Each structure stands twice: as C-alpha cells, then as structure tokens.
Protein backbone atom coordinates (compact mmCIF):
# COMPACT_ATOMS: atom_id res chain seq x y z
CA MET A 1 105.71 21.09 -0.69
CA ASP A 2 109.22 20.32 0.50
CA GLU A 3 110.45 23.60 1.94
CA GLN A 4 114.01 22.25 1.94
CA ALA A 5 114.03 21.94 -1.84
CA TRP A 6 116.37 24.12 -3.86
CA TRP A 7 114.90 26.25 -6.65
CA TYR A 8 116.69 28.54 -9.09
CA ILE A 9 115.11 32.01 -9.27
CA ASN A 10 116.73 34.68 -11.43
CA GLY A 11 120.32 33.82 -10.60
CA ASN A 12 119.84 32.64 -7.01
CA TRP A 13 119.34 29.23 -5.39
CA VAL A 14 116.60 29.53 -2.78
CA HIS A 15 114.13 27.42 -0.83
CA PRO A 16 110.49 27.51 -2.03
CA HIS A 17 109.34 29.83 0.77
CA GLU A 18 112.05 32.29 -0.28
CA ALA A 19 111.16 32.21 -3.98
CA SER A 20 109.75 35.40 -5.49
CA ILE A 21 109.65 37.41 -8.70
CA SER A 22 108.91 41.09 -9.19
CA ILE A 23 105.27 42.17 -9.11
CA ASN A 24 106.21 44.32 -12.12
CA ASP A 25 107.18 41.30 -14.21
CA VAL A 26 104.81 41.03 -17.18
CA ALA A 27 104.35 37.34 -16.30
CA VAL A 28 102.48 38.58 -13.22
CA LEU A 29 100.88 41.68 -14.74
CA ARG A 30 99.90 40.26 -18.15
CA GLY A 31 100.53 36.50 -18.10
CA TYR A 32 103.36 36.93 -20.62
CA SER A 33 105.53 33.85 -20.07
CA VAL A 34 106.31 30.37 -21.34
CA PHE A 35 107.16 27.25 -19.42
CA GLU A 36 108.11 23.59 -19.64
CA SER A 37 107.43 20.68 -17.34
CA LEU A 38 109.63 17.61 -17.60
CA ARG A 39 110.28 14.69 -15.35
CA THR A 40 113.20 12.64 -14.11
CA TYR A 41 113.54 8.90 -13.74
CA HIS A 42 116.14 7.78 -11.21
CA ARG A 43 117.55 11.33 -11.08
CA ARG A 44 117.96 11.56 -14.86
CA PRO A 45 115.90 13.99 -16.99
CA PHE A 46 113.70 12.47 -19.69
CA HIS A 47 114.19 14.02 -23.16
CA LEU A 48 115.60 17.24 -21.73
CA ASP A 49 116.82 18.61 -25.06
CA GLU A 50 113.39 18.14 -26.66
CA HIS A 51 111.76 20.03 -23.80
CA LEU A 52 114.24 22.89 -24.17
CA GLN A 53 113.66 23.03 -27.92
CA ARG A 54 109.92 23.30 -27.31
CA LEU A 55 110.46 26.02 -24.70
CA TYR A 56 112.31 28.17 -27.23
CA ARG A 57 109.71 27.41 -29.89
CA SER A 58 106.94 28.57 -27.53
CA ALA A 59 108.89 31.76 -26.84
CA ARG A 60 109.28 32.44 -30.55
CA LEU A 61 105.57 31.91 -31.16
CA ILE A 62 104.61 34.57 -28.62
CA GLU A 63 107.63 36.77 -29.48
CA LEU A 64 109.15 36.53 -26.02
CA ASP A 65 112.87 37.34 -26.03
CA VAL A 66 114.76 34.60 -24.14
CA THR A 67 117.99 36.25 -23.02
CA PHE A 68 119.92 33.12 -22.04
CA ALA A 69 121.31 30.26 -24.10
CA ALA A 70 119.94 26.72 -24.27
CA ALA A 71 123.27 25.38 -22.97
CA PHE A 72 122.91 27.54 -19.85
CA LEU A 73 119.37 26.24 -19.28
CA HIS A 74 120.56 22.68 -19.80
CA ASP A 75 123.20 23.08 -17.10
CA ILE A 76 120.80 24.77 -14.66
CA VAL A 77 118.33 21.89 -15.01
CA LEU A 78 121.06 19.33 -14.31
CA GLU A 79 122.26 21.33 -11.31
CA SER A 80 118.71 21.62 -9.96
CA ILE A 81 118.38 17.83 -10.11
CA GLU A 82 121.75 17.41 -8.41
CA ARG A 83 120.88 19.86 -5.60
CA ASN A 84 117.66 18.02 -4.71
CA PRO A 85 117.41 14.49 -3.26
CA TYR A 86 114.47 13.16 -5.27
CA GLU A 87 114.74 9.86 -7.13
CA HIS A 88 111.83 10.88 -9.37
CA ALA A 89 110.85 14.52 -9.82
CA THR A 90 109.04 17.11 -11.88
CA VAL A 91 111.22 19.95 -13.11
CA ARG A 92 109.36 23.11 -14.14
CA LEU A 93 111.05 25.85 -16.12
CA LEU A 94 109.35 29.24 -16.27
CA VAL A 95 110.63 31.98 -18.56
CA THR A 96 109.01 35.34 -17.83
CA GLY A 97 108.86 38.39 -20.07
CA GLY A 98 110.71 40.46 -17.51
CA VAL A 99 110.05 43.69 -15.65
CA SER A 100 107.92 46.41 -17.28
CA GLU A 101 108.05 50.19 -16.78
CA ASP A 102 104.62 50.87 -18.25
CA GLY A 103 102.89 47.74 -16.96
CA VAL A 104 102.55 46.27 -20.46
CA LEU A 105 105.78 45.95 -22.45
CA PRO A 106 108.83 44.28 -20.90
CA TYR A 107 112.28 45.81 -20.98
CA GLY A 108 115.65 44.28 -20.18
CA ASP A 109 116.25 40.60 -19.58
CA SER A 110 113.70 37.80 -19.35
CA GLY A 111 113.29 36.08 -16.01
CA LEU A 112 113.96 32.43 -15.19
CA ALA A 113 112.68 30.08 -12.51
CA VAL A 114 113.49 26.36 -12.25
CA MET A 115 111.39 24.51 -9.68
CA VAL A 116 111.79 20.88 -8.60
CA THR A 117 109.13 18.82 -6.81
CA PRO A 118 109.15 15.11 -5.94
CA LEU A 119 107.16 12.48 -7.84
CA ALA A 120 105.97 9.18 -6.41
CA GLU A 121 106.86 5.83 -7.96
CA ARG A 122 104.78 4.85 -10.98
CA ASP A 123 101.24 3.91 -9.96
CA MET A 124 100.49 0.74 -11.91
CA GLU A 125 96.92 0.81 -10.60
CA ARG A 126 96.45 3.96 -12.65
CA PHE A 127 96.64 1.83 -15.76
CA ALA A 128 94.25 -0.78 -14.40
CA ARG A 129 91.71 1.90 -13.42
CA GLY A 130 91.83 4.07 -16.51
CA CYS A 131 90.26 7.52 -16.36
CA LYS A 132 87.10 9.40 -17.25
CA LEU A 133 87.22 12.57 -19.35
CA ILE A 134 84.69 15.15 -20.41
CA THR A 135 84.61 17.39 -23.47
CA THR A 136 84.52 21.17 -23.37
CA ASN A 137 83.92 23.88 -25.96
CA LEU A 138 86.12 26.38 -24.16
CA THR A 139 88.68 27.94 -26.49
CA ARG A 140 92.40 28.42 -25.94
CA MET A 141 94.76 31.09 -27.17
CA MET A 142 97.63 29.81 -29.30
CA PRO A 143 97.58 26.16 -28.12
CA GLU A 144 100.80 25.40 -30.04
CA ALA A 145 102.75 27.45 -27.47
CA LYS A 146 103.16 26.32 -23.87
CA THR A 147 102.28 29.55 -22.09
CA ALA A 148 101.21 30.19 -18.53
CA ASN A 149 97.79 31.38 -19.71
CA TYR A 150 95.75 28.53 -18.19
CA VAL A 151 92.42 30.32 -17.83
CA SER A 152 90.61 27.93 -20.17
CA ALA A 153 92.42 24.90 -18.78
CA ILE A 154 91.58 25.74 -15.17
CA ARG A 155 87.95 26.40 -16.04
CA ALA A 156 87.82 23.09 -17.93
CA LEU A 157 89.39 21.21 -15.01
CA LYS A 158 86.82 22.68 -12.63
CA GLU A 159 84.09 21.56 -15.02
CA ALA A 160 85.63 18.07 -15.12
CA ALA A 161 85.82 17.85 -11.33
CA GLN A 162 82.11 18.68 -11.07
CA GLN A 163 81.43 15.63 -13.25
CA GLN A 164 83.84 13.34 -11.35
CA ALA A 165 86.23 13.29 -14.31
CA SER A 166 90.00 13.66 -14.19
CA ASP A 167 90.46 15.90 -17.23
CA ALA A 168 88.70 17.65 -20.10
CA LEU A 169 89.20 17.40 -23.85
CA PHE A 170 89.01 20.60 -25.86
CA VAL A 171 86.66 20.48 -28.88
CA ASN A 172 86.82 23.20 -31.54
CA GLU A 173 84.08 24.75 -33.69
CA GLN A 174 84.58 22.06 -36.34
CA ARG A 175 83.80 19.45 -33.65
CA HIS A 176 87.37 18.17 -33.67
CA VAL A 177 88.56 16.62 -30.42
CA LEU A 178 91.97 18.19 -29.83
CA GLU A 179 93.77 17.50 -26.54
CA GLY A 180 93.43 17.49 -22.79
CA THR A 181 94.24 20.43 -20.54
CA ARG A 182 97.73 19.02 -19.96
CA SER A 183 97.87 15.99 -22.23
CA ASN A 184 97.67 14.72 -25.80
CA PHE A 185 94.80 12.48 -26.93
CA PHE A 186 94.95 9.22 -28.89
CA ILE A 187 92.35 6.74 -30.13
CA PHE A 188 92.49 3.27 -31.66
CA HIS A 189 90.29 2.12 -34.51
CA GLY A 190 91.32 -1.53 -34.57
CA ASP A 191 95.08 -1.49 -35.16
CA THR A 192 95.07 2.11 -36.41
CA LEU A 193 96.34 4.70 -33.94
CA VAL A 194 94.99 8.22 -34.46
CA THR A 195 96.05 11.50 -32.84
CA PRO A 196 95.58 15.17 -33.79
CA GLN A 197 98.51 17.11 -35.19
CA LYS A 198 97.10 20.64 -35.55
CA GLU A 199 95.75 23.07 -32.93
CA VAL A 200 97.52 21.12 -30.19
CA LEU A 201 100.72 21.36 -28.19
CA ILE A 202 103.04 18.71 -29.62
CA GLY A 203 103.95 16.76 -26.51
CA VAL A 204 107.35 15.19 -25.92
CA THR A 205 105.71 12.01 -24.59
CA ARG A 206 103.35 12.08 -27.58
CA ASN A 207 106.33 11.89 -29.91
CA VAL A 208 107.89 9.06 -27.91
CA VAL A 209 104.64 7.08 -28.11
CA LEU A 210 104.40 7.60 -31.87
CA GLU A 211 107.94 6.25 -32.25
CA LEU A 212 107.01 3.21 -30.16
CA ALA A 213 103.89 2.66 -32.27
CA ARG A 214 105.70 2.76 -35.62
CA GLY A 215 106.04 -0.73 -37.06
CA ARG A 216 103.46 -2.03 -34.60
CA PHE A 217 100.36 -0.09 -35.64
CA THR A 218 99.15 2.01 -38.52
CA ILE A 219 99.46 5.69 -37.55
CA GLU A 220 97.21 8.53 -38.66
CA GLU A 221 97.91 12.11 -37.55
CA ARG A 222 94.62 13.82 -38.35
CA PRO A 223 91.60 15.49 -36.77
CA ILE A 224 89.41 13.31 -34.55
CA LEU A 225 85.72 14.06 -34.97
CA ILE A 226 83.67 14.01 -31.80
CA ASP A 227 81.07 11.92 -33.66
CA GLU A 228 83.56 9.10 -34.22
CA LEU A 229 84.17 8.54 -30.50
CA GLY A 230 81.21 6.16 -30.41
CA SER A 231 82.96 3.74 -32.75
CA ILE A 232 86.49 3.70 -31.33
CA ASP A 233 88.00 0.65 -29.65
CA GLU A 234 90.42 2.30 -27.24
CA ALA A 235 91.59 5.73 -26.12
CA PHE A 236 94.38 7.12 -23.98
CA ILE A 237 96.15 10.34 -23.03
CA THR A 238 99.86 11.06 -22.71
CA SER A 239 102.01 13.55 -20.83
CA SER A 240 105.27 13.65 -18.90
CA SER A 241 103.52 13.01 -15.58
CA LYS A 242 100.70 10.76 -16.83
CA GLU A 243 102.94 8.77 -19.20
CA ILE A 244 100.29 6.64 -20.99
CA THR A 245 96.92 6.64 -19.20
CA PRO A 246 93.95 4.71 -20.64
CA VAL A 247 90.63 6.49 -21.11
CA ILE A 248 87.61 4.33 -20.35
CA GLN A 249 84.84 6.94 -20.51
CA ILE A 250 84.24 10.29 -22.24
CA ASN A 251 81.18 12.17 -20.96
CA ASP A 252 78.53 9.41 -20.76
CA LEU A 253 80.17 7.31 -23.48
CA VAL A 254 81.92 4.14 -22.35
CA ILE A 255 84.96 3.35 -24.51
CA GLY A 256 85.09 -0.23 -25.77
CA ASP A 257 84.19 -2.60 -22.97
CA GLY A 258 84.90 0.01 -20.30
CA LYS A 259 88.34 -1.38 -19.50
CA PRO A 260 91.84 -0.33 -20.60
CA GLY A 261 92.53 -1.83 -24.01
CA THR A 262 95.15 -4.40 -25.01
CA ARG A 263 96.82 -2.15 -27.61
CA THR A 264 97.17 0.66 -25.08
CA TYR A 265 98.61 -1.85 -22.62
CA GLU A 266 101.14 -2.97 -25.23
CA LEU A 267 102.32 0.61 -25.75
CA GLU A 268 102.47 1.17 -21.99
CA GLN A 269 104.70 -1.87 -21.53
CA HIS A 270 107.04 -0.76 -24.31
CA PHE A 271 107.17 2.72 -22.76
CA ILE A 272 108.06 1.33 -19.33
CA LYS A 273 110.76 -0.86 -20.87
CA LEU A 274 112.21 2.14 -22.70
CA VAL A 275 112.33 4.16 -19.48
CA GLU A 276 113.85 1.34 -17.43
CA GLN A 277 116.56 0.90 -20.07
CA GLY A 278 117.42 4.57 -19.63
CA GLN A 279 116.55 5.55 -23.19
CA GLY A 280 115.79 9.25 -23.53
CA THR A 281 117.55 10.15 -20.28
CA LEU A 282 120.96 11.73 -19.79
C-alpha cells in the first residue's frame, strides 16, 4: 500500500496509516455499511454516475440514511483522483451507518471514506489464460445490495483457493448459478449470451457488456441452471477490476475446448476499444 496516498475520511484528507473510523460506528460493530468500487482509466473515472446511483440504491435497500448528496460524493471522488498520482486506480467509497450509543442503532450522520489504490496496466495475458472457478452453496444476505457483509464471499474465496481456483460462483437452492463473489457471470450457447438478472448485484461492467452485445448476439437475462453448464460453449465473468475475464473451467468441468472463446474475445476487444476512446469516463 502506498502510504503517501491521500484518502478522504469523514471530512479529512489523510494518508492511509492515519485513516481511522470510530470503534462505535455500526459499520465496525454490526457490519452496517454499503460501498462501491470503481476504477479509473488514464485518471478518469469509469461510469462514475452509475456507481453512485448503485451506492444510493444499496443504501435504500438496507435502510441506511446517507446524509450527503450525490453531487458532493461526485466531487469528492474527482478530488481524490486529482490528489493521487495514479494513471489507473481503484476508488473505493464506503458509507457507514455512523456512531451508535447503544451498540446497535446508529444516530447522527453517516460516515464516509474514499480510498484510492493504484492499478497496474491491463494484463492481456489474463485473457489468454482464462480462469478456473468453483461453485458454492453458501448463501448471501440481500445480494442486490453492495454491503460490506462479505462473510459468505470470503469463505467462498478461501474454498476456491483450496481448489486452485480464482473465484467461486454462488448457486442457490433451485440450482441456479448466480454470480461470483465480486463479479457477474455470463455464458454463451452458440450466439446466445445468457446472464442472470435476479438474486445478483447488477454490475456496472455487466451493463456495459450487455450494451456491447446488443446487435451482435441474442441476449437472454434469465436463470442459469447448474446442469446446463455441461453444454455451454463459452463463459466469462465481469467486474470493474476484471473487465471481461474468460472462464475455462468450473469445478472439474472444462468449458468448450478449454480455451477462451472467440465470442468472449470479440466482446473483450469491443470493451477495450470503448475504454480507449474514453467512452464512459469523465
């Protein structure tokens, strides 16, 4: 971690080693908080407004009172990018429930932290390699909201690491494959692109990919049955940090011929072109 970075913590600009929030904040005591993670390309935030909209939606879903305006958050994010020297970066926004007198219910204003960390240049080998995933039956609380409750996600990631996989896909009681711990999941049946729409966090990159796919592929937003994975041609995951990453294996099942697929590659190239043209950035 770059200790010379500048982070915004509850009204103050501080270095990471100086950053702190109250131990009495319900984010610490009860995990009551929401967050967003977005990235910059060439010092410009990617789809900032969409990330802020989702942050407020998450807060509404868990009934967390956000006591500052979206315009204020927008300006703080831009200032945090300006204060730090990184060409490419991850910007994390954390909204906490605020301090509690009884250790349960917050009172007063919500808290705010904006943290910036550097990102490396795009790793094109990542696309050539693809990734292995596992499935997990662990359940999540309110997946439609981006909260800091990552108990299930962390347990799933530990399970994935034990099996030399990079991520885990959540599967519900109906045997629907939902999403990764920090990513959305897509499959191709021929030229038909399929991704879940319910019981998932609707990702900003997910929506960008769907826009890129329109007019190029047939799109189905529906449940993906775990039993249909054996017949799919391609699979990939999306997120702000992973962009579009091909999936070549799920558990012991090899996807297609075990190599990143041509349709996924086509979407990846269109995504890179969009980014390099500055679309979606301020």
